[in-house]
Amino acid sequence: MVISHMRSAEALQDVPRPIVAWAGRYNNGDEIPPHTHPRAQLLYAVEGVMRVLTPNSVWTIPAQRALWVPANVEHHSFMMSDLEMRTLYVSPDVPVALGGECRAISVSGLLRELILGLIEEPAEYPLPGRGEHLVALILMEINRAATHAVEIPWPQDRRLQTVCHSIMNTPGLNRTIEDLAETAGASARTLIRLFPKETGLKYRQWVQQVQIADAICRLGRGESIARIANALGYASPSAFSAMFKRTFGIAPNQYMQKSEVR
């Protein structure tokens, strides 16, 4: 279902406070159409998994992670499971270390509680007061948060977009670049050249990034390691876990346990 929360979100853009908070609940399959905000935004998944499309990347954000979206950057959100979302709208006058690029960050237990605390305050919280102190601590926690490389670089070339859509729709199907070239209107050699030029990744690297994103979605929905490995075409759960650990430094079950820390 396509969801519009623009009216409530727009009402918060002009509130005379450095940060304002908003809460939303979505169902699996819900979609927020492409839009922008004059404020920067921190999209935070308290529970569930969302996928966010920005002009140059696709981001998969599981529980206890958040996506920083700078002001006026178009984004398009898809709910990959039932989702509890909390959003911070940050005034462009507020300096934030994350800067002018989209970035995925970890949400510490403290940052989580600070965000939930700000949700309890009125949008135009009293100054001075509790809301002002919460905002100061929120900014400190955002500025020290660890970033995560969970983005899928998205190409601009339409032929390569056709290929990339096909891979994302069936990430576990083992296809050669020659197989994909038949549907793209481009030769395999052209696609091999376009992948690093358009995404910064070679073909197999890009496919692996898509598989990692799909695995995160499935982990967030509670699927077993064995089922995920089978869905993504790995020979065994251990082979999938080894790939995941090379990427994140921890096993997939540890990744979700870390996400669930409150």
C-alpha atoms as a PDB file:
ATOM      1  CA  MET A   1       0.000   0.000   0.000  1.00  0.00           C
ATOM      2  CA  VAL A   2       1.276   3.453  -0.890  1.00  0.00           C
ATOM      3  CA  ILE A   3       1.313   5.606   2.235  1.00  0.00           C
ATOM      4  CA  SER A   4       1.371   9.400   2.377  1.00  0.00           C
ATOM      5  CA  HIS A   5       2.570  11.042   5.571  1.00  0.00           C
ATOM      6  CA  MET A   6       3.527  14.257   3.849  1.00  0.00           C
ATOM      7  CA  ARG A   7       0.915  16.385   5.602  1.00  0.00           C
ATOM      8  CA  SER A   8       2.134  15.522   9.096  1.00  0.00           C
ATOM      9  CA  ALA A   9       5.784  15.648   8.010  1.00  0.00           C
ATOM     10  CA  GLU A  10       5.400  19.012   6.290  1.00  0.00           C
ATOM     11  CA  ALA A  11       3.780  20.448   9.394  1.00  0.00           C
ATOM     12  CA  LEU A  12       7.004  19.775  11.284  1.00  0.00           C
ATOM     13  CA  GLN A  13       9.381  21.396   8.800  1.00  0.00           C
ATOM     14  CA  ASP A  14       8.748  24.946  10.024  1.00  0.00           C
ATOM     15  CA  VAL A  15       8.623  24.273  13.767  1.00  0.00           C
ATOM     16  CA  PRO A  16      11.148  26.687  15.341  1.00  0.00           C
ATOM     17  CA  ARG A  17      13.249  23.986  16.977  1.00  0.00           C
ATOM     18  CA  PRO A  18      16.621  22.524  15.853  1.00  0.00           C
ATOM     19  CA  ILE A  19      15.283  18.943  15.883  1.00  0.00           C
ATOM     20  CA  VAL A  20      11.715  17.672  15.871  1.00  0.00           C
ATOM     21  CA  ALA A  21      10.636  14.042  16.149  1.00  0.00           C
ATOM     22  CA  TRP A  22       7.905  12.021  14.427  1.00  0.00           C
ATOM     23  CA  ALA A  23       6.654   8.445  14.904  1.00  0.00           C
ATOM     24  CA  GLY A  24       5.030   6.130  12.364  1.00  0.00           C
ATOM     25  CA  ARG A  25       3.894   2.535  12.089  1.00  0.00           C
ATOM     26  CA  TYR A  26       3.775   0.665   8.775  1.00  0.00           C
ATOM     27  CA  ASN A  27       2.819  -2.770   7.483  1.00  0.00           C
ATOM     28  CA  ASN A  28       4.940  -5.114   5.408  1.00  0.00           C
ATOM     29  CA  GLY A  29       4.696  -3.971   1.792  1.00  0.00           C
ATOM     30  CA  ASP A  30       3.791  -0.355   2.548  1.00  0.00           C
ATOM     31  CA  GLU A  31       5.519   2.288   0.452  1.00  0.00           C
ATOM     32  CA  ILE A  32       6.215   6.006   0.924  1.00  0.00           C
ATOM     33  CA  PRO A  33       6.448   7.671  -2.512  1.00  0.00           C
ATOM     34  CA  PRO A  34       9.520   9.703  -3.551  1.00  0.00           C
ATOM     35  CA  HIS A  35       9.707  13.019  -1.717  1.00  0.00           C
ATOM     36  CA  THR A  36      12.094  15.547  -0.179  1.00  0.00           C
ATOM     37  CA  HIS A  37      12.228  17.663   2.978  1.00  0.00           C
ATOM     38  CA  PRO A  38      13.826  21.069   3.602  1.00  0.00           C
ATOM     39  CA  ARG A  39      15.271  19.553   6.788  1.00  0.00           C
ATOM     40  CA  ALA A  40      17.753  16.706   7.016  1.00  0.00           C
ATOM     41  CA  GLN A  41      16.224  13.494   8.260  1.00  0.00           C
ATOM     42  CA  LEU A  42      17.309  10.553  10.396  1.00  0.00           C
ATOM     43  CA  LEU A  43      15.152   7.549   9.476  1.00  0.00           C
ATOM     44  CA  TYR A  44      15.298   5.066  12.338  1.00  0.00           C
ATOM     45  CA  ALA A  45      13.872   1.532  12.354  1.00  0.00           C
ATOM     46  CA  VAL A  46      12.983   0.689  15.951  1.00  0.00           C
ATOM     47  CA  GLU A  47      11.604  -2.677  14.819  1.00  0.00           C
ATOM     48  CA  GLY A  48      11.491  -4.196  11.343  1.00  0.00           C
ATOM     49  CA  VAL A  49      13.379  -3.571   8.100  1.00  0.00           C
ATOM     50  CA  MET A  50      12.987  -0.831   5.482  1.00  0.00           C
ATOM     51  CA  ARG A  51      14.577  -0.224   2.110  1.00  0.00           C
ATOM     52  CA  VAL A  52      15.226   3.355   1.040  1.00  0.00           C
ATOM     53  CA  LEU A  53      16.024   4.450  -2.509  1.00  0.00           C
ATOM     54  CA  THR A  54      18.027   7.649  -2.975  1.00  0.00           C
ATOM     55  CA  PRO A  55      19.229   9.061  -6.325  1.00  0.00           C
ATOM     56  CA  ASN A  56      22.504   7.104  -6.305  1.00  0.00           C
ATOM     57  CA  SER A  57      21.972   4.204  -3.891  1.00  0.00           C
ATOM     58  CA  VAL A  58      19.645   1.632  -2.383  1.00  0.00           C
ATOM     59  CA  TRP A  59      19.846   1.297   1.416  1.00  0.00           C
ATOM     60  CA  THR A  60      18.639  -1.571   3.607  1.00  0.00           C
ATOM     61  CA  ILE A  61      18.014  -0.458   7.172  1.00  0.00           C
ATOM     62  CA  PRO A  62      17.270  -3.140   9.806  1.00  0.00           C
ATOM     63  CA  ALA A  63      16.253  -2.659  13.424  1.00  0.00           C
ATOM     64  CA  GLN A  64      18.567  -0.491  15.494  1.00  0.00           C
ATOM     65  CA  ARG A  65      20.091   1.109  12.425  1.00  0.00           C
ATOM     66  CA  ALA A  66      19.211   4.482  10.924  1.00  0.00           C
ATOM     67  CA  LEU A  67      19.700   6.317   7.655  1.00  0.00           C
ATOM     68  CA  TRP A  68      20.869   9.923   7.512  1.00  0.00           C
ATOM     69  CA  VAL A  69      19.227  11.729   4.576  1.00  0.00           C
ATOM     70  CA  PRO A  70      20.509  15.285   4.001  1.00  0.00           C
ATOM     71  CA  ALA A  71      18.094  18.128   3.314  1.00  0.00           C
ATOM     72  CA  ASN A  72      16.403  18.173  -0.108  1.00  0.00           C
ATOM     73  CA  VAL A  73      17.626  14.696  -1.080  1.00  0.00           C
ATOM     74  CA  GLU A  74      14.828  12.685  -2.705  1.00  0.00           C
ATOM     75  CA  HIS A  75      14.097   9.348  -1.033  1.00  0.00           C
ATOM     76  CA  HIS A  76      11.589   6.563  -1.632  1.00  0.00           C
ATOM     77  CA  SER A  77      10.870   4.074   1.166  1.00  0.00           C
ATOM     78  CA  PHE A  78       9.639   0.477   1.101  1.00  0.00           C
ATOM     79  CA  MET A  79       8.708  -1.550   4.189  1.00  0.00           C
ATOM     80  CA  MET A  80      10.238  -5.014   3.985  1.00  0.00           C
ATOM     81  CA  SER A  81       8.395  -6.119   7.148  1.00  0.00           C
ATOM     82  CA  ASP A  82       6.033  -4.595   9.682  1.00  0.00           C
ATOM     83  CA  LEU A  83       7.918  -1.513  10.815  1.00  0.00           C
ATOM     84  CA  GLU A  84       8.049   0.885  13.739  1.00  0.00           C
ATOM     85  CA  MET A  85       9.737   4.046  12.452  1.00  0.00           C
ATOM     86  CA  ARG A  86      11.001   7.048  14.355  1.00  0.00           C
ATOM     87  CA  THR A  87      12.167  10.085  12.420  1.00  0.00           C
ATOM     88  CA  LEU A  88      14.196  13.120  13.419  1.00  0.00           C
ATOM     89  CA  TYR A  89      13.936  16.245  11.258  1.00  0.00           C
ATOM     90  CA  VAL A  90      17.109  18.286  11.687  1.00  0.00           C
ATOM     91  CA  SER A  91      17.275  21.988  10.828  1.00  0.00           C
ATOM     92  CA  PRO A  92      19.830  22.890   8.119  1.00  0.00           C
ATOM     93  CA  ASP A  93      21.289  25.380  10.610  1.00  0.00           C
ATOM     94  CA  VAL A  94      22.432  22.535  12.880  1.00  0.00           C
ATOM     95  CA  PRO A  95      25.974  21.253  12.156  1.00  0.00           C
ATOM     96  CA  VAL A  96      26.048  17.441  11.971  1.00  0.00           C
ATOM     97  CA  ALA A  97      29.207  15.413  11.382  1.00  0.00           C
ATOM     98  CA  LEU A  98      27.426  13.122   8.898  1.00  0.00           C
ATOM     99  CA  GLY A  99      27.397  16.010   6.432  1.00  0.00           C
ATOM    100  CA  GLY A 100      25.836  16.206   3.005  1.00  0.00           C
ATOM    101  CA  GLU A 101      25.789  12.528   2.000  1.00  0.00           C
ATOM    102  CA  CYS A 102      23.413   9.719   2.917  1.00  0.00           C
ATOM    103  CA  ARG A 103      24.922   7.412   5.519  1.00  0.00           C
ATOM    104  CA  ALA A 104      23.732   4.406   7.522  1.00  0.00           C
ATOM    105  CA  ILE A 105      24.581   4.508  11.228  1.00  0.00           C
ATOM    106  CA  SER A 106      24.251   2.327  14.323  1.00  0.00           C
ATOM    107  CA  VAL A 107      21.759   3.505  16.904  1.00  0.00           C
ATOM    108  CA  SER A 108      23.205   3.067  20.385  1.00  0.00           C
ATOM    109  CA  GLY A 109      21.008   2.188  23.322  1.00  0.00           C
ATOM    110  CA  LEU A 110      21.401   5.745  24.580  1.00  0.00           C
ATOM    111  CA  LEU A 111      20.492   7.315  21.228  1.00  0.00           C
ATOM    112  CA  ARG A 112      17.443   5.067  21.009  1.00  0.00           C
ATOM    113  CA  GLU A 113      16.167   6.208  24.395  1.00  0.00           C
ATOM    114  CA  LEU A 114      16.883   9.850  23.589  1.00  0.00           C
ATOM    115  CA  ILE A 115      14.880   9.619  20.368  1.00  0.00           C
ATOM    116  CA  LEU A 116      11.981   7.936  22.148  1.00  0.00           C
ATOM    117  CA  GLY A 117      12.194  10.602  24.832  1.00  0.00           C
ATOM    118  CA  LEU A 118      11.951  13.403  22.275  1.00  0.00           C
ATOM    119  CA  ILE A 119       8.897  11.722  20.742  1.00  0.00           C
ATOM    120  CA  GLU A 120       7.148  12.236  24.078  1.00  0.00           C
ATOM    121  CA  GLU A 121       7.769  15.981  23.956  1.00  0.00           C
ATOM    122  CA  PRO A 122       5.518  18.395  22.040  1.00  0.00           C
ATOM    123  CA  ALA A 123       6.881  19.389  18.630  1.00  0.00           C
ATOM    124  CA  GLU A 124       7.439  22.936  19.901  1.00  0.00           C
ATOM    125  CA  TYR A 125       8.953  21.884  23.216  1.00  0.00           C
ATOM    126  CA  PRO A 126       9.573  24.614  25.821  1.00  0.00           C
ATOM    127  CA  LEU A 127      12.899  26.455  25.825  1.00  0.00           C
ATOM    128  CA  PRO A 128      14.706  26.012  28.090  1.00  0.00           C
ATOM    129  CA  GLY A 129      13.513  22.582  29.101  1.00  0.00           C
ATOM    130  CA  ARG A 130      13.791  18.801  28.808  1.00  0.00           C
ATOM    131  CA  GLY A 131      13.424  18.748  25.016  1.00  0.00           C
ATOM    132  CA  GLU A 132      16.359  21.118  24.561  1.00  0.00           C
ATOM    133  CA  HIS A 133      18.607  18.883  26.674  1.00  0.00           C
ATOM    134  CA  LEU A 134      17.470  15.761  24.793  1.00  0.00           C
ATOM    135  CA  VAL A 135      18.325  17.427  21.483  1.00  0.00           C
ATOM    136  CA  ALA A 136      21.825  18.353  22.656  1.00  0.00           C
ATOM    137  CA  LEU A 137      22.508  14.746  23.664  1.00  0.00           C
ATOM    138  CA  ILE A 138      20.963  13.393  20.460  1.00  0.00           C
ATOM    139  CA  LEU A 139      23.367  15.482  18.387  1.00  0.00           C
ATOM    140  CA  MET A 140      26.322  14.239  20.420  1.00  0.00           C
ATOM    141  CA  GLU A 141      25.276  10.604  19.893  1.00  0.00           C
ATOM    142  CA  ILE A 142      24.649  11.049  16.158  1.00  0.00           C
ATOM    143  CA  ASN A 143      28.063  12.653  15.724  1.00  0.00           C
ATOM    144  CA  ARG A 144      29.815   9.730  17.407  1.00  0.00           C
ATOM    145  CA  ALA A 145      27.758   6.948  15.800  1.00  0.00           C
ATOM    146  CA  ALA A 146      29.481   4.241  13.771  1.00  0.00           C
ATOM    147  CA  THR A 147      28.650   4.199  10.058  1.00  0.00           C
ATOM    148  CA  HIS A 148      27.865   1.045   8.060  1.00  0.00           C
ATOM    149  CA  ALA A 149      28.538   0.249   4.399  1.00  0.00           C
ATOM    150  CA  VAL A 150      25.148  -1.281   3.587  1.00  0.00           C
ATOM    151  CA  GLU A 151      24.387   0.728   0.479  1.00  0.00           C
ATOM    152  CA  ILE A 152      23.917  -0.668  -2.994  1.00  0.00           C
ATOM    153  CA  PRO A 153      25.312   1.862  -5.498  1.00  0.00           C
ATOM    154  CA  TRP A 154      22.704   2.493  -8.179  1.00  0.00           C
ATOM    155  CA  PRO A 155      23.655   3.148 -11.824  1.00  0.00           C
ATOM    156  CA  GLN A 156      22.287   5.877 -14.078  1.00  0.00           C
ATOM    157  CA  ASP A 157      22.747   4.006 -17.383  1.00  0.00           C
ATOM    158  CA  ARG A 158      19.336   2.570 -18.351  1.00  0.00           C
ATOM    159  CA  ARG A 159      20.775  -0.649 -19.756  1.00  0.00           C
ATOM    160  CA  LEU A 160      22.587  -1.330 -16.503  1.00  0.00           C
ATOM    161  CA  GLN A 161      19.500  -0.360 -14.495  1.00  0.00           C
ATOM    162  CA  THR A 162      17.586  -3.102 -16.328  1.00  0.00           C
ATOM    163  CA  VAL A 163      20.225  -5.624 -15.283  1.00  0.00           C
ATOM    164  CA  CYS A 164      20.335  -4.358 -11.705  1.00  0.00           C
ATOM    165  CA  HIS A 165      16.548  -4.512 -11.314  1.00  0.00           C
ATOM    166  CA  SER A 166      16.650  -8.116 -12.505  1.00  0.00           C
ATOM    167  CA  ILE A 167      19.362  -9.024  -9.994  1.00  0.00           C
ATOM    168  CA  MET A 168      17.548  -7.331  -7.104  1.00  0.00           C
ATOM    169  CA  ASN A 169      14.304  -9.116  -7.953  1.00  0.00           C
ATOM    170  CA  THR A 170      15.999 -12.542  -7.842  1.00  0.00           C
ATOM    171  CA  PRO A 171      19.295 -12.171  -5.923  1.00  0.00           C
ATOM    172  CA  GLY A 172      19.660 -15.913  -5.415  1.00  0.00           C
ATOM    173  CA  LEU A 173      19.542 -16.819  -9.100  1.00  0.00           C
ATOM    174  CA  ASN A 174      23.052 -17.586 -10.305  1.00  0.00           C
ATOM    175  CA  ARG A 175      23.366 -15.882 -13.691  1.00  0.00           C
ATOM    176  CA  THR A 176      26.385 -15.002 -15.782  1.00  0.00           C
ATOM    177  CA  ILE A 177      26.922 -11.547 -17.180  1.00  0.00           C
ATOM    178  CA  GLU A 178      26.272 -13.094 -20.602  1.00  0.00           C
ATOM    179  CA  ASP A 179      22.815 -14.261 -19.475  1.00  0.00           C
ATOM    180  CA  LEU A 180      21.931 -10.772 -18.279  1.00  0.00           C
ATOM    181  CA  ALA A 181      23.282  -9.088 -21.389  1.00  0.00           C
ATOM    182  CA  GLU A 182      20.577 -10.728 -23.503  1.00  0.00           C
ATOM    183  CA  THR A 183      17.843  -8.760 -21.709  1.00  0.00           C
ATOM    184  CA  ALA A 184      19.740  -5.477 -21.400  1.00  0.00           C
ATOM    185  CA  GLY A 185      20.329  -4.542 -25.015  1.00  0.00           C
ATOM    186  CA  ALA A 186      24.070  -4.417 -24.372  1.00  0.00           C
ATOM    187  CA  SER A 187      26.952  -6.812 -24.794  1.00  0.00           C
ATOM    188  CA  ALA A 188      28.540  -8.627 -21.863  1.00  0.00           C
ATOM    189  CA  ARG A 189      31.725  -6.643 -22.478  1.00  0.00           C
ATOM    190  CA  THR A 190      29.767  -3.373 -22.219  1.00  0.00           C
ATOM    191  CA  LEU A 191      28.141  -4.435 -18.954  1.00  0.00           C
ATOM    192  CA  ILE A 192      31.495  -5.508 -17.506  1.00  0.00           C
ATOM    193  CA  ARG A 193      32.802  -2.023 -18.298  1.00  0.00           C
ATOM    194  CA  LEU A 194      29.696  -0.224 -17.038  1.00  0.00           C
ATOM    195  CA  PHE A 195      29.503  -1.853 -13.596  1.00  0.00           C
ATOM    196  CA  PRO A 196      32.674  -0.258 -12.137  1.00  0.00           C
ATOM    197  CA  LYS A 197      32.153   2.946 -14.096  1.00  0.00           C
ATOM    198  CA  GLU A 198      28.571   3.424 -12.857  1.00  0.00           C
ATOM    199  CA  THR A 199      28.656   1.788  -9.405  1.00  0.00           C
ATOM    200  CA  GLY A 200      32.316   1.611  -8.382  1.00  0.00           C
ATOM    201  CA  LEU A 201      31.950  -2.184  -8.044  1.00  0.00           C
ATOM    202  CA  LYS A 202      32.676  -5.091 -10.367  1.00  0.00           C
ATOM    203  CA  TYR A 203      29.707  -7.252 -11.377  1.00  0.00           C
ATOM    204  CA  ARG A 204      30.250 -10.005  -8.785  1.00  0.00           C
ATOM    205  CA  GLN A 205      30.927  -7.443  -6.048  1.00  0.00           C
ATOM    206  CA  TRP A 206      27.670  -5.672  -6.848  1.00  0.00           C
ATOM    207  CA  VAL A 207      25.733  -8.953  -6.798  1.00  0.00           C
ATOM    208  CA  GLN A 208      27.229  -9.811  -3.412  1.00  0.00           C
ATOM    209  CA  GLN A 209      26.183  -6.416  -2.049  1.00  0.00           C
ATOM    210  CA  VAL A 210      22.618  -7.118  -3.193  1.00  0.00           C
ATOM    211  CA  GLN A 211      22.722 -10.542  -1.551  1.00  0.00           C
ATOM    212  CA  ILE A 212      23.944  -9.006   1.701  1.00  0.00           C
ATOM    213  CA  ALA A 213      21.083  -6.514   1.636  1.00  0.00           C
ATOM    214  CA  ASP A 214      18.582  -9.290   0.956  1.00  0.00           C
ATOM    215  CA  ALA A 215      20.072 -11.338   3.790  1.00  0.00           C
ATOM    216  CA  ILE A 216      19.642  -8.414   6.186  1.00  0.00           C
ATOM    217  CA  CYS A 217      15.967  -8.154   5.188  1.00  0.00           C
ATOM    218  CA  ARG A 218      15.466 -11.861   5.751  1.00  0.00           C
ATOM    219  CA  LEU A 219      17.309 -11.827   9.075  1.00  0.00           C
ATOM    220  CA  GLY A 220      15.085  -8.940  10.162  1.00  0.00           C
ATOM    221  CA  ARG A 221      12.025 -11.064   9.361  1.00  0.00           C
ATOM    222  CA  GLY A 222      13.366 -13.886  11.506  1.00  0.00           C
ATOM    223  CA  GLU A 223      14.339 -16.367   8.780  1.00  0.00           C
ATOM    224  CA  SER A 224      16.872 -19.063   9.645  1.00  0.00           C
ATOM    225  CA  ILE A 225      20.451 -19.001   8.374  1.00  0.00           C
ATOM    226  CA  ALA A 226      19.824 -22.241   6.477  1.00  0.00           C
ATOM    227  CA  ARG A 227      16.778 -20.819   4.688  1.00  0.00           C
ATOM    228  CA  ILE A 228      18.610 -17.595   3.781  1.00  0.00           C
ATOM    229  CA  ALA A 229      21.621 -19.491   2.446  1.00  0.00           C
ATOM    230  CA  ASN A 230      19.361 -21.657   0.288  1.00  0.00           C
ATOM    231  CA  ALA A 231      17.375 -18.655  -1.013  1.00  0.00           C
ATOM    232  CA  LEU A 232      20.567 -16.869  -2.035  1.00  0.00           C
ATOM    233  CA  GLY A 233      22.068 -19.878  -3.791  1.00  0.00           C
ATOM    234  CA  TYR A 234      24.862 -20.708  -1.348  1.00  0.00           C
ATOM    235  CA  ALA A 235      26.071 -24.305  -1.167  1.00  0.00           C
ATOM    236  CA  SER A 236      25.648 -24.416   2.602  1.00  0.00           C
ATOM    237  CA  PRO A 237      24.757 -22.229   5.596  1.00  0.00           C
ATOM    238  CA  SER A 238      28.437 -22.158   6.552  1.00  0.00           C
ATOM    239  CA  ALA A 239      29.401 -20.758   3.124  1.00  0.00           C
ATOM    240  CA  PHE A 240      26.840 -17.992   3.483  1.00  0.00           C
ATOM    241  CA  SER A 241      27.936 -17.246   7.067  1.00  0.00           C
ATOM    242  CA  ALA A 242      31.578 -17.048   5.969  1.00  0.00           C
ATOM    243  CA  MET A 243      30.699 -14.475   3.288  1.00  0.00           C
ATOM    244  CA  PHE A 244      28.640 -12.465   5.760  1.00  0.00           C
ATOM    245  CA  LYS A 245      31.419 -12.517   8.352  1.00  0.00           C
ATOM    246  CA  ARG A 246      33.993 -11.343   5.810  1.00  0.00           C
ATOM    247  CA  THR A 247      31.746  -8.362   5.127  1.00  0.00           C
ATOM    248  CA  PHE A 248      30.688  -7.342   8.641  1.00  0.00           C
ATOM    249  CA  GLY A 249      33.276  -8.991  10.865  1.00  0.00           C
ATOM    250  CA  ILE A 250      30.571 -10.932  12.729  1.00  0.00           C
ATOM    251  CA  ALA A 251      28.309 -13.892  11.965  1.00  0.00           C
ATOM    252  CA  PRO A 252      24.756 -13.202  10.765  1.00  0.00           C
ATOM    253  CA  ASN A 253      23.139 -14.341  14.020  1.00  0.00           C
ATOM    254  CA  GLN A 254      25.477 -12.030  15.956  1.00  0.00           C
ATOM    255  CA  TYR A 255      24.579  -9.152  13.617  1.00  0.00           C
ATOM    256  CA  MET A 256      20.916  -9.368  14.565  1.00  0.00           C
ATOM    257  CA  GLN A 257      21.676  -9.911  18.251  1.00  0.00           C
ATOM    258  CA  LYS A 258      23.715  -6.721  18.163  1.00  0.00           C
ATOM    259  CA  SER A 259      20.780  -4.978  16.477  1.00  0.00           C
ATOM    260  CA  GLU A 260      18.436  -6.060  19.237  1.00  0.00           C
ATOM    261  CA  VAL A 261      20.444  -4.562  22.084  1.00  0.00           C
ATOM    262  CA  ARG A 262      18.252  -1.977  23.867  1.00  0.00           C
END
